[in-house]
Amino acid sequence: MDELATALMDAGGVRAPRERGAQLRRLLGAELQRGATDLQQARSGYEQPVCVAIAAAPDGRGLRAVLPVDPALRADPHAIAERPWLLTAATVGALVEAGARRELTAGRSGAHLALALAGDCDAELAALAFEEQAVSVDRLRARALAVPAHVLEDIDDLRQPIGAGHPLLVAREVARQGGRPADPESVQALEETVLALLASGPDSASTRPHDDPDPARRVARRILQRLAGMGKWGGYHTEFAHLARGFAPSDRALAAAVGEALLDAGLLVEKPSVGQRHVFLDPRRAADIHALTQRGETPAGLVLPKV
């Protein structure tokens, strides 16, 4: 057992007294820094699992978590790589599963991402739920530790994620619907329900992708919204063939044609792979992508197929 887990157990777990807080914060800081470095490797957590810390909120009305992830995620959905995002999504799933189902905010604890969700919940239950939420993440071994609330008392700058369709909000809604936010198949299965819920909020776009009267533009907006929600920006890619998933059989040929149009316009970028075509969203076209997804504004250069 590693030093942090041993010290936490010796101190009494989530009931550890405040006088042990400085030691636990020091050990947690070292674990988070190690985890942040490990997440940059081809395989993460295989010598020692990447650590996430979970605690009750100071007022007891929710949960907080600190992860070895860049806190810039709150404002910039493509600020982090795919595996750190999936670790984050699994953490959101665990917090929701443990009962933290209401408002989600994000901030920082030093150089690391902090999350807070409101609700009637239990930190130890969330730590147990994390294992199942993270099991599907490829090339990652991770664990969550329930810690006393005072160990995470340095969390600050908690604010709502920027954008109604922010991946953090998508992850929360997927978990609320009983899905696993770190499992792409689970996200895709709940796509229509989740996007409809997000679109009905006060900050939703003026038109939902599903309500767009133009069939090709509707498909384009749904493809881009799905990829953005799964964090497929700047090289974190998916198979081109997956673009048609979630559409009715009669729309799959149109989805493939729209995918080619998005590539031709430079909204998607192709990454050659062994025997497959992989694509990702171009961060340099983020403004055009969001304008099309959220408001149905077709950027210059995008020629969608006629239907």
C-alpha atoms as a PDB file:
ATOM      1  CA  MET A   1       0.000   0.000   0.000  1.00  0.00           C
ATOM      2  CA  ASP A   2       1.345   3.461  -0.883  1.00  0.00           C
ATOM      3  CA  GLU A   3       2.244   6.170   1.610  1.00  0.00           C
ATOM      4  CA  LEU A   4      -0.910   8.280   1.156  1.00  0.00           C
ATOM      5  CA  ALA A   5      -3.324   5.361   1.563  1.00  0.00           C
ATOM      6  CA  THR A   6      -1.387   4.076   4.582  1.00  0.00           C
ATOM      7  CA  ALA A   7      -1.355   7.491   6.270  1.00  0.00           C
ATOM      8  CA  LEU A   8      -5.040   8.002   5.518  1.00  0.00           C
ATOM      9  CA  MET A   9      -5.985   4.645   7.023  1.00  0.00           C
ATOM     10  CA  ASP A  10      -3.785   5.255  10.065  1.00  0.00           C
ATOM     11  CA  ALA A  11      -5.384   8.683  10.604  1.00  0.00           C
ATOM     12  CA  GLY A  12      -8.934   7.328  10.529  1.00  0.00           C
ATOM     13  CA  GLY A  13      -9.988   7.799   6.906  1.00  0.00           C
ATOM     14  CA  VAL A  14     -12.657  10.459   6.309  1.00  0.00           C
ATOM     15  CA  ARG A  15     -12.809  10.971  10.093  1.00  0.00           C
ATOM     16  CA  ALA A  16      -9.118  11.832  10.371  1.00  0.00           C
ATOM     17  CA  PRO A  17      -8.599  14.769  12.789  1.00  0.00           C
ATOM     18  CA  ARG A  18      -7.589  18.197  11.509  1.00  0.00           C
ATOM     19  CA  GLU A  19      -4.132  17.862  13.073  1.00  0.00           C
ATOM     20  CA  ARG A  20      -3.338  15.168  10.487  1.00  0.00           C
ATOM     21  CA  GLY A  21      -4.484  17.436   7.658  1.00  0.00           C
ATOM     22  CA  ALA A  22      -1.095  18.962   6.807  1.00  0.00           C
ATOM     23  CA  GLN A  23       0.491  15.524   6.405  1.00  0.00           C
ATOM     24  CA  LEU A  24      -2.373  14.228   4.266  1.00  0.00           C
ATOM     25  CA  ARG A  25      -2.382  17.347   2.063  1.00  0.00           C
ATOM     26  CA  ARG A  26       1.365  17.011   1.497  1.00  0.00           C
ATOM     27  CA  LEU A  27       1.071  13.352   0.517  1.00  0.00           C
ATOM     28  CA  LEU A  28      -1.953  14.057  -1.689  1.00  0.00           C
ATOM     29  CA  GLY A  29      -0.087  16.864  -3.451  1.00  0.00           C
ATOM     30  CA  ALA A  30       2.752  14.487  -4.278  1.00  0.00           C
ATOM     31  CA  GLU A  31       0.272  11.884  -5.570  1.00  0.00           C
ATOM     32  CA  LEU A  32      -1.495  14.408  -7.773  1.00  0.00           C
ATOM     33  CA  GLN A  33       1.762  15.615  -9.254  1.00  0.00           C
ATOM     34  CA  ARG A  34       2.836  12.029  -9.941  1.00  0.00           C
ATOM     35  CA  GLY A  35      -0.528  11.313 -11.523  1.00  0.00           C
ATOM     36  CA  ALA A  36      -0.366  14.387 -13.763  1.00  0.00           C
ATOM     37  CA  THR A  37       3.013  13.225 -15.061  1.00  0.00           C
ATOM     38  CA  ASP A  38       1.824   9.648 -15.474  1.00  0.00           C
ATOM     39  CA  LEU A  39      -1.204  10.742 -17.514  1.00  0.00           C
ATOM     40  CA  GLN A  40       1.188  12.045 -20.173  1.00  0.00           C
ATOM     41  CA  GLN A  41       2.562   8.546 -20.771  1.00  0.00           C
ATOM     42  CA  ALA A  42       1.312   5.951 -23.258  1.00  0.00           C
ATOM     43  CA  ARG A  43      -0.049   3.893 -20.330  1.00  0.00           C
ATOM     44  CA  SER A  44      -1.006   5.494 -17.030  1.00  0.00           C
ATOM     45  CA  GLY A  45      -1.165   4.098 -13.518  1.00  0.00           C
ATOM     46  CA  TYR A  46       0.385   0.718 -14.155  1.00  0.00           C
ATOM     47  CA  GLU A  47       3.161   1.046 -11.568  1.00  0.00           C
ATOM     48  CA  GLN A  48       0.828   2.783  -9.131  1.00  0.00           C
ATOM     49  CA  PRO A  49      -2.752   3.837  -9.908  1.00  0.00           C
ATOM     50  CA  VAL A  50      -3.469   7.457 -10.734  1.00  0.00           C
ATOM     51  CA  CYS A  51      -5.169   8.994  -7.694  1.00  0.00           C
ATOM     52  CA  VAL A  52      -8.339  11.068  -7.372  1.00  0.00           C
ATOM     53  CA  ALA A  53      -9.335  12.508  -3.979  1.00  0.00           C
ATOM     54  CA  ILE A  54     -12.998  12.858  -2.976  1.00  0.00           C
ATOM     55  CA  ALA A  55     -14.386  14.588   0.122  1.00  0.00           C
ATOM     56  CA  ALA A  56     -17.619  15.954   1.504  1.00  0.00           C
ATOM     57  CA  ALA A  57     -18.270  19.636   0.862  1.00  0.00           C
ATOM     58  CA  PRO A  58     -17.609  21.867   3.899  1.00  0.00           C
ATOM     59  CA  ASP A  59     -21.339  22.370   4.459  1.00  0.00           C
ATOM     60  CA  GLY A  60     -22.018  18.643   4.031  1.00  0.00           C
ATOM     61  CA  ARG A  61     -24.356  19.273   1.096  1.00  0.00           C
ATOM     62  CA  GLY A  62     -22.366  17.783  -1.714  1.00  0.00           C
ATOM     63  CA  LEU A  63     -19.056  16.318  -2.759  1.00  0.00           C
ATOM     64  CA  ARG A  64     -15.768  17.717  -3.965  1.00  0.00           C
ATOM     65  CA  ALA A  65     -12.994  16.029  -5.908  1.00  0.00           C
ATOM     66  CA  VAL A  66      -9.461  16.971  -6.907  1.00  0.00           C
ATOM     67  CA  LEU A  67      -7.859  15.352  -9.955  1.00  0.00           C
ATOM     68  CA  PRO A  68      -4.399  15.475 -11.582  1.00  0.00           C
ATOM     69  CA  VAL A  69      -5.886  17.386 -14.523  1.00  0.00           C
ATOM     70  CA  ASP A  70      -5.409  20.917 -15.871  1.00  0.00           C
ATOM     71  CA  PRO A  71      -8.059  23.236 -14.335  1.00  0.00           C
ATOM     72  CA  ALA A  72      -8.236  25.097 -17.672  1.00  0.00           C
ATOM     73  CA  LEU A  73     -10.802  22.448 -18.660  1.00  0.00           C
ATOM     74  CA  ARG A  74     -13.583  24.564 -17.120  1.00  0.00           C
ATOM     75  CA  ALA A  75     -13.149  27.286 -19.728  1.00  0.00           C
ATOM     76  CA  ASP A  76     -11.612  25.304 -22.574  1.00  0.00           C
ATOM     77  CA  PRO A  77     -13.079  21.832 -23.312  1.00  0.00           C
ATOM     78  CA  HIS A  78     -10.099  20.887 -25.467  1.00  0.00           C
ATOM     79  CA  ALA A  79      -7.425  21.995 -22.980  1.00  0.00           C
ATOM     80  CA  ILE A  80      -6.658  18.419 -21.912  1.00  0.00           C
ATOM     81  CA  ALA A  81      -5.866  15.114 -23.591  1.00  0.00           C
ATOM     82  CA  GLU A  82      -8.270  12.219 -24.003  1.00  0.00           C
ATOM     83  CA  ARG A  83      -7.188  10.080 -21.042  1.00  0.00           C
ATOM     84  CA  PRO A  84      -7.262  12.955 -18.486  1.00  0.00           C
ATOM     85  CA  TRP A  85     -10.723  13.801 -19.822  1.00  0.00           C
ATOM     86  CA  LEU A  86     -11.948  10.228 -19.374  1.00  0.00           C
ATOM     87  CA  LEU A  87     -10.548  10.212 -15.828  1.00  0.00           C
ATOM     88  CA  THR A  88     -12.527  13.407 -15.217  1.00  0.00           C
ATOM     89  CA  ALA A  89     -15.678  11.946 -16.765  1.00  0.00           C
ATOM     90  CA  ALA A  90     -15.382   8.841 -14.556  1.00  0.00           C
ATOM     91  CA  THR A  91     -15.054  11.081 -11.506  1.00  0.00           C
ATOM     92  CA  VAL A  92     -18.195  13.018 -12.426  1.00  0.00           C
ATOM     93  CA  GLY A  93     -19.988   9.689 -12.887  1.00  0.00           C
ATOM     94  CA  ALA A  94     -18.887   8.495  -9.444  1.00  0.00           C
ATOM     95  CA  LEU A  95     -20.005  11.714  -7.729  1.00  0.00           C
ATOM     96  CA  VAL A  96     -23.420  11.556  -9.383  1.00  0.00           C
ATOM     97  CA  GLU A  97     -23.807   7.856  -8.593  1.00  0.00           C
ATOM     98  CA  ALA A  98     -23.115   8.628  -4.936  1.00  0.00           C
ATOM     99  CA  GLY A  99     -25.938  11.186  -4.870  1.00  0.00           C
ATOM    100  CA  ALA A 100     -24.300  14.477  -5.938  1.00  0.00           C
ATOM    101  CA  ARG A 101     -26.752  15.086  -8.768  1.00  0.00           C
ATOM    102  CA  ARG A 102     -27.341  18.838  -8.727  1.00  0.00           C
ATOM    103  CA  GLU A 103     -25.261  21.919  -9.601  1.00  0.00           C
ATOM    104  CA  LEU A 104     -21.764  21.231 -10.969  1.00  0.00           C
ATOM    105  CA  THR A 105     -18.941  23.747 -10.597  1.00  0.00           C
ATOM    106  CA  ALA A 106     -15.239  23.513 -11.376  1.00  0.00           C
ATOM    107  CA  GLY A 107     -12.222  25.300  -9.942  1.00  0.00           C
ATOM    108  CA  ARG A 108      -8.719  24.545  -8.808  1.00  0.00           C
ATOM    109  CA  SER A 109      -6.677  23.159  -5.974  1.00  0.00           C
ATOM    110  CA  GLY A 110      -3.218  24.492  -6.681  1.00  0.00           C
ATOM    111  CA  ALA A 111      -2.335  23.322 -10.190  1.00  0.00           C
ATOM    112  CA  HIS A 112      -5.064  20.690 -10.288  1.00  0.00           C
ATOM    113  CA  LEU A 113      -8.702  20.539 -11.351  1.00  0.00           C
ATOM    114  CA  ALA A 114     -11.326  20.613  -8.617  1.00  0.00           C
ATOM    115  CA  LEU A 115     -14.962  19.607  -9.086  1.00  0.00           C
ATOM    116  CA  ALA A 116     -17.933  20.223  -6.826  1.00  0.00           C
ATOM    117  CA  LEU A 117     -21.429  18.768  -7.135  1.00  0.00           C
ATOM    118  CA  ALA A 118     -24.324  19.481  -4.816  1.00  0.00           C
ATOM    119  CA  GLY A 119     -26.598  16.817  -3.382  1.00  0.00           C
ATOM    120  CA  ASP A 120     -27.189  14.443  -0.503  1.00  0.00           C
ATOM    121  CA  CYS A 121     -24.268  12.067  -0.850  1.00  0.00           C
ATOM    122  CA  ASP A 122     -21.380  10.163   0.682  1.00  0.00           C
ATOM    123  CA  ALA A 123     -17.668  10.472  -0.169  1.00  0.00           C
ATOM    124  CA  GLU A 124     -16.857   6.856   0.658  1.00  0.00           C
ATOM    125  CA  LEU A 125     -19.660   5.631  -1.616  1.00  0.00           C
ATOM    126  CA  ALA A 126     -18.328   7.859  -4.414  1.00  0.00           C
ATOM    127  CA  ALA A 127     -14.842   6.386  -4.009  1.00  0.00           C
ATOM    128  CA  LEU A 128     -16.304   2.897  -4.381  1.00  0.00           C
ATOM    129  CA  ALA A 129     -18.398   3.928  -7.391  1.00  0.00           C
ATOM    130  CA  PHE A 130     -15.315   5.361  -9.119  1.00  0.00           C
ATOM    131  CA  GLU A 131     -13.813   1.921  -9.745  1.00  0.00           C
ATOM    132  CA  GLU A 132     -16.778   0.816 -11.857  1.00  0.00           C
ATOM    133  CA  GLN A 133     -17.004   4.179 -13.629  1.00  0.00           C
ATOM    134  CA  ALA A 134     -13.326   4.082 -14.677  1.00  0.00           C
ATOM    135  CA  VAL A 135     -13.013   0.413 -15.574  1.00  0.00           C
ATOM    136  CA  SER A 136     -13.656   0.932 -19.291  1.00  0.00           C
ATOM    137  CA  VAL A 137     -10.939   3.578 -19.793  1.00  0.00           C
ATOM    138  CA  ASP A 138      -8.230   2.150 -22.016  1.00  0.00           C
ATOM    139  CA  ARG A 139      -4.606   2.174 -20.810  1.00  0.00           C
ATOM    140  CA  LEU A 140      -5.489   3.625 -17.413  1.00  0.00           C
ATOM    141  CA  ARG A 141      -5.441   2.268 -13.884  1.00  0.00           C
ATOM    142  CA  ALA A 142      -6.873   4.703 -11.375  1.00  0.00           C
ATOM    143  CA  ARG A 143      -8.342   4.758  -7.898  1.00  0.00           C
ATOM    144  CA  ALA A 144     -10.293   7.241  -5.784  1.00  0.00           C
ATOM    145  CA  LEU A 145      -9.644   7.866  -2.101  1.00  0.00           C
ATOM    146  CA  ALA A 146     -12.234   9.344   0.258  1.00  0.00           C
ATOM    147  CA  VAL A 147     -10.480  11.962   2.384  1.00  0.00           C
ATOM    148  CA  PRO A 148     -11.616  14.318   5.187  1.00  0.00           C
ATOM    149  CA  ALA A 149     -13.238  17.552   4.051  1.00  0.00           C
ATOM    150  CA  HIS A 150     -10.436  19.625   5.594  1.00  0.00           C
ATOM    151  CA  VAL A 151      -7.867  17.988   3.300  1.00  0.00           C
ATOM    152  CA  LEU A 152      -9.532  19.639   0.282  1.00  0.00           C
ATOM    153  CA  GLU A 153     -10.210  22.987   1.956  1.00  0.00           C
ATOM    154  CA  ASP A 154      -7.792  24.829  -0.370  1.00  0.00           C
ATOM    155  CA  ILE A 155     -10.190  24.476  -3.342  1.00  0.00           C
ATOM    156  CA  ASP A 156     -11.076  27.866  -4.785  1.00  0.00           C
ATOM    157  CA  ASP A 157     -12.475  29.673  -7.845  1.00  0.00           C
ATOM    158  CA  LEU A 158     -15.427  27.285  -8.156  1.00  0.00           C
ATOM    159  CA  ARG A 159     -17.610  28.414 -11.072  1.00  0.00           C
ATOM    160  CA  GLN A 160     -19.906  26.850 -13.626  1.00  0.00           C
ATOM    161  CA  PRO A 161     -18.273  25.427 -16.775  1.00  0.00           C
ATOM    162  CA  ILE A 162     -18.388  27.834 -19.696  1.00  0.00           C
ATOM    163  CA  GLY A 163     -20.964  26.851 -22.319  1.00  0.00           C
ATOM    164  CA  ALA A 164     -24.279  25.004 -22.062  1.00  0.00           C
ATOM    165  CA  GLY A 165     -22.853  22.020 -23.944  1.00  0.00           C
ATOM    166  CA  HIS A 166     -19.609  21.791 -21.954  1.00  0.00           C
ATOM    167  CA  PRO A 167     -18.375  18.170 -21.695  1.00  0.00           C
ATOM    168  CA  LEU A 168     -18.525  18.372 -17.886  1.00  0.00           C
ATOM    169  CA  LEU A 169     -22.253  19.118 -18.096  1.00  0.00           C
ATOM    170  CA  VAL A 170     -22.716  16.353 -20.664  1.00  0.00           C
ATOM    171  CA  ALA A 171     -20.939  13.939 -18.303  1.00  0.00           C
ATOM    172  CA  ARG A 172     -23.203  14.921 -15.417  1.00  0.00           C
ATOM    173  CA  GLU A 173     -26.347  14.440 -17.512  1.00  0.00           C
ATOM    174  CA  VAL A 174     -25.160  11.066 -18.830  1.00  0.00           C
ATOM    175  CA  ALA A 175     -24.601   9.922 -15.247  1.00  0.00           C
ATOM    176  CA  ARG A 176     -27.976  11.297 -14.163  1.00  0.00           C
ATOM    177  CA  GLN A 177     -29.583   9.126 -16.839  1.00  0.00           C
ATOM    178  CA  GLY A 178     -27.801   6.032 -15.484  1.00  0.00           C
ATOM    179  CA  GLY A 179     -24.956   5.971 -18.016  1.00  0.00           C
ATOM    180  CA  ARG A 180     -21.189   5.964 -17.620  1.00  0.00           C
ATOM    181  CA  PRO A 181     -19.646   9.232 -18.845  1.00  0.00           C
ATOM    182  CA  ALA A 182     -16.238   7.630 -19.444  1.00  0.00           C
ATOM    183  CA  ASP A 183     -17.713   4.964 -21.735  1.00  0.00           C
ATOM    184  CA  PRO A 184     -18.228   6.343 -25.298  1.00  0.00           C
ATOM    185  CA  GLU A 185     -20.892   3.730 -26.098  1.00  0.00           C
ATOM    186  CA  SER A 186     -22.873   4.724 -23.006  1.00  0.00           C
ATOM    187  CA  VAL A 187     -22.595   8.403 -23.973  1.00  0.00           C
ATOM    188  CA  GLN A 188     -23.774   7.703 -27.514  1.00  0.00           C
ATOM    189  CA  ALA A 189     -26.715   5.605 -26.322  1.00  0.00           C
ATOM    190  CA  LEU A 190     -27.971   8.536 -24.227  1.00  0.00           C
ATOM    191  CA  GLU A 191     -26.999  11.282 -26.672  1.00  0.00           C
ATOM    192  CA  GLU A 192     -30.466  12.450 -27.703  1.00  0.00           C
ATOM    193  CA  THR A 193     -31.843  12.530 -24.146  1.00  0.00           C
ATOM    194  CA  VAL A 194     -28.807  14.343 -22.748  1.00  0.00           C
ATOM    195  CA  LEU A 195     -28.583  16.965 -25.478  1.00  0.00           C
ATOM    196  CA  ALA A 196     -32.304  17.675 -25.200  1.00  0.00           C
ATOM    197  CA  LEU A 197     -31.946  18.242 -21.445  1.00  0.00           C
ATOM    198  CA  LEU A 198     -28.980  20.562 -21.912  1.00  0.00           C
ATOM    199  CA  ALA A 199     -30.716  22.472 -24.669  1.00  0.00           C
ATOM    200  CA  SER A 200     -33.724  23.117 -22.434  1.00  0.00           C
ATOM    201  CA  GLY A 201     -31.600  25.016 -19.890  1.00  0.00           C
ATOM    202  CA  PRO A 202     -31.464  28.822 -19.576  1.00  0.00           C
ATOM    203  CA  ASP A 203     -28.202  29.101 -21.530  1.00  0.00           C
ATOM    204  CA  SER A 204     -29.244  26.837 -24.395  1.00  0.00           C
ATOM    205  CA  ALA A 205     -28.760  27.772 -28.015  1.00  0.00           C
ATOM    206  CA  SER A 206     -31.590  29.405 -29.922  1.00  0.00           C
ATOM    207  CA  THR A 207     -32.140  26.198 -31.916  1.00  0.00           C
ATOM    208  CA  ARG A 208     -31.309  22.639 -30.964  1.00  0.00           C
ATOM    209  CA  PRO A 209     -29.465  20.494 -33.522  1.00  0.00           C
ATOM    210  CA  HIS A 210     -32.330  17.978 -33.461  1.00  0.00           C
ATOM    211  CA  ASP A 211     -34.822  20.720 -34.395  1.00  0.00           C
ATOM    212  CA  ASP A 212     -32.913  22.023 -37.413  1.00  0.00           C
ATOM    213  CA  PRO A 213     -35.237  21.846 -40.451  1.00  0.00           C
ATOM    214  CA  ASP A 214     -32.384  21.198 -42.908  1.00  0.00           C
ATOM    215  CA  PRO A 215     -31.560  17.435 -42.842  1.00  0.00           C
ATOM    216  CA  ALA A 216     -27.868  17.740 -43.779  1.00  0.00           C
ATOM    217  CA  ARG A 217     -27.239  20.646 -41.424  1.00  0.00           C
ATOM    218  CA  ARG A 218     -29.086  18.795 -38.649  1.00  0.00           C
ATOM    219  CA  VAL A 219     -26.789  15.803 -39.120  1.00  0.00           C
ATOM    220  CA  ALA A 220     -23.691  18.043 -39.242  1.00  0.00           C
ATOM    221  CA  ARG A 221     -24.656  19.774 -35.997  1.00  0.00           C
ATOM    222  CA  ARG A 222     -25.323  16.480 -34.234  1.00  0.00           C
ATOM    223  CA  ILE A 223     -21.972  15.034 -35.341  1.00  0.00           C
ATOM    224  CA  LEU A 224     -20.044  18.087 -34.182  1.00  0.00           C
ATOM    225  CA  GLN A 225     -21.928  18.326 -30.890  1.00  0.00           C
ATOM    226  CA  ARG A 226     -21.272  14.668 -30.125  1.00  0.00           C
ATOM    227  CA  LEU A 227     -17.545  14.937 -30.899  1.00  0.00           C
ATOM    228  CA  ALA A 228     -17.216  18.100 -28.799  1.00  0.00           C
ATOM    229  CA  GLY A 229     -19.058  16.472 -25.907  1.00  0.00           C
ATOM    230  CA  MET A 230     -16.648  13.534 -26.017  1.00  0.00           C
ATOM    231  CA  GLY A 231     -13.589  15.798 -26.094  1.00  0.00           C
ATOM    232  CA  LYS A 232     -12.448  14.861 -29.623  1.00  0.00           C
ATOM    233  CA  TRP A 233     -10.359  18.000 -30.197  1.00  0.00           C
ATOM    234  CA  GLY A 234      -6.819  18.534 -31.437  1.00  0.00           C
ATOM    235  CA  GLY A 235      -5.728  14.982 -32.119  1.00  0.00           C
ATOM    236  CA  TYR A 236      -7.943  13.033 -29.691  1.00  0.00           C
ATOM    237  CA  HIS A 237      -9.776  11.153 -32.354  1.00  0.00           C
ATOM    238  CA  THR A 238     -12.479   8.684 -33.261  1.00  0.00           C
ATOM    239  CA  GLU A 239     -13.022   6.402 -36.243  1.00  0.00           C
ATOM    240  CA  PHE A 240     -14.683   8.071 -39.218  1.00  0.00           C
ATOM    241  CA  ALA A 241     -17.125   5.144 -39.369  1.00  0.00           C
ATOM    242  CA  HIS A 242     -18.346   6.075 -35.857  1.00  0.00           C
ATOM    243  CA  LEU A 243     -19.778   9.376 -37.116  1.00  0.00           C
ATOM    244  CA  ALA A 244     -22.883   7.544 -38.332  1.00  0.00           C
ATOM    245  CA  ARG A 245     -23.538   5.872 -34.978  1.00  0.00           C
ATOM    246  CA  GLY A 246     -26.730   6.946 -33.264  1.00  0.00           C
ATOM    247  CA  PHE A 247     -28.481   7.871 -36.513  1.00  0.00           C
ATOM    248  CA  ALA A 248     -31.417   5.976 -37.963  1.00  0.00           C
ATOM    249  CA  PRO A 249     -30.408   3.482 -40.683  1.00  0.00           C
ATOM    250  CA  SER A 250     -31.984   5.752 -43.302  1.00  0.00           C
ATOM    251  CA  ASP A 251     -29.695   8.638 -42.230  1.00  0.00           C
ATOM    252  CA  ARG A 252     -26.373   6.792 -42.032  1.00  0.00           C
ATOM    253  CA  ALA A 253     -25.381   7.334 -45.659  1.00  0.00           C
ATOM    254  CA  LEU A 254     -26.176  11.035 -45.209  1.00  0.00           C
ATOM    255  CA  ALA A 255     -24.055  11.101 -42.024  1.00  0.00           C
ATOM    256  CA  ALA A 256     -21.101   9.648 -43.939  1.00  0.00           C
ATOM    257  CA  ALA A 257     -21.526  12.242 -46.709  1.00  0.00           C
ATOM    258  CA  VAL A 258     -21.779  15.041 -44.153  1.00  0.00           C
ATOM    259  CA  GLY A 259     -18.613  13.748 -42.480  1.00  0.00           C
ATOM    260  CA  GLU A 260     -16.768  14.064 -45.793  1.00  0.00           C
ATOM    261  CA  ALA A 261     -18.088  17.622 -46.180  1.00  0.00           C
ATOM    262  CA  LEU A 262     -16.886  18.533 -42.680  1.00  0.00           C
ATOM    263  CA  LEU A 263     -13.446  17.187 -43.588  1.00  0.00           C
ATOM    264  CA  ASP A 264     -13.394  19.128 -46.863  1.00  0.00           C
ATOM    265  CA  ALA A 265     -14.282  22.323 -44.979  1.00  0.00           C
ATOM    266  CA  GLY A 266     -11.550  21.785 -42.382  1.00  0.00           C
ATOM    267  CA  LEU A 267     -13.874  21.539 -39.388  1.00  0.00           C
ATOM    268  CA  LEU A 268     -12.715  17.944 -39.005  1.00  0.00           C
ATOM    269  CA  VAL A 269      -9.130  16.804 -39.501  1.00  0.00           C
ATOM    270  CA  GLU A 270      -8.187  13.309 -40.620  1.00  0.00           C
ATOM    271  CA  LYS A 271      -5.512  11.285 -38.826  1.00  0.00           C
ATOM    272  CA  PRO A 272      -4.339   8.255 -40.833  1.00  0.00           C
ATOM    273  CA  SER A 273      -4.264   5.034 -38.845  1.00  0.00           C
ATOM    274  CA  VAL A 274      -3.559   1.400 -39.590  1.00  0.00           C
ATOM    275  CA  GLY A 275      -6.425   0.244 -41.783  1.00  0.00           C
ATOM    276  CA  GLN A 276      -8.789   2.936 -40.465  1.00  0.00           C
ATOM    277  CA  ARG A 277      -9.701   6.583 -40.908  1.00  0.00           C
ATOM    278  CA  HIS A 278      -9.686   8.588 -37.692  1.00  0.00           C
ATOM    279  CA  VAL A 279     -10.956  12.160 -37.351  1.00  0.00           C
ATOM    280  CA  PHE A 280     -10.969  14.938 -34.761  1.00  0.00           C
ATOM    281  CA  LEU A 281     -12.239  18.504 -34.364  1.00  0.00           C
ATOM    282  CA  ASP A 282      -9.805  21.242 -35.364  1.00  0.00           C
ATOM    283  CA  PRO A 283      -9.344  23.588 -32.340  1.00  0.00           C
ATOM    284  CA  ARG A 284      -8.441  26.422 -34.742  1.00  0.00           C
ATOM    285  CA  ARG A 285     -12.013  26.257 -36.066  1.00  0.00           C
ATOM    286  CA  ALA A 286     -13.637  26.185 -32.622  1.00  0.00           C
ATOM    287  CA  ALA A 287     -15.570  29.422 -33.203  1.00  0.00           C
ATOM    288  CA  ASP A 288     -17.050  28.098 -36.473  1.00  0.00           C
ATOM    289  CA  ILE A 289     -17.831  24.724 -34.900  1.00  0.00           C
ATOM    290  CA  HIS A 290     -19.646  26.294 -31.945  1.00  0.00           C
ATOM    291  CA  ALA A 291     -21.546  28.721 -34.208  1.00  0.00           C
ATOM    292  CA  LEU A 292     -22.781  25.841 -36.348  1.00  0.00           C
ATOM    293  CA  THR A 293     -23.547  23.524 -33.433  1.00  0.00           C
ATOM    294  CA  GLN A 294     -25.251  26.054 -31.194  1.00  0.00           C
ATOM    295  CA  ARG A 295     -26.915  28.430 -33.653  1.00  0.00           C
ATOM    296  CA  GLY A 296     -26.995  26.628 -36.996  1.00  0.00           C
ATOM    297  CA  GLU A 297     -24.673  29.163 -38.657  1.00  0.00           C
ATOM    298  CA  THR A 298     -22.979  27.451 -41.611  1.00  0.00           C
ATOM    299  CA  PRO A 299     -19.358  28.631 -41.953  1.00  0.00           C
ATOM    300  CA  ALA A 300     -17.838  29.722 -45.241  1.00  0.00           C
ATOM    301  CA  GLY A 301     -16.424  26.768 -47.157  1.00  0.00           C
ATOM    302  CA  LEU A 302     -18.819  24.148 -45.813  1.00  0.00           C
ATOM    303  CA  VAL A 303     -20.842  22.652 -48.650  1.00  0.00           C
ATOM    304  CA  LEU A 304     -23.325  20.163 -47.260  1.00  0.00           C
ATOM    305  CA  PRO A 305     -24.906  17.467 -49.468  1.00  0.00           C
ATOM    306  CA  LYS A 306     -28.276  18.207 -51.013  1.00  0.00           C
ATOM    307  CA  VAL A 307     -31.142  16.107 -49.654  1.00  0.00           C
END
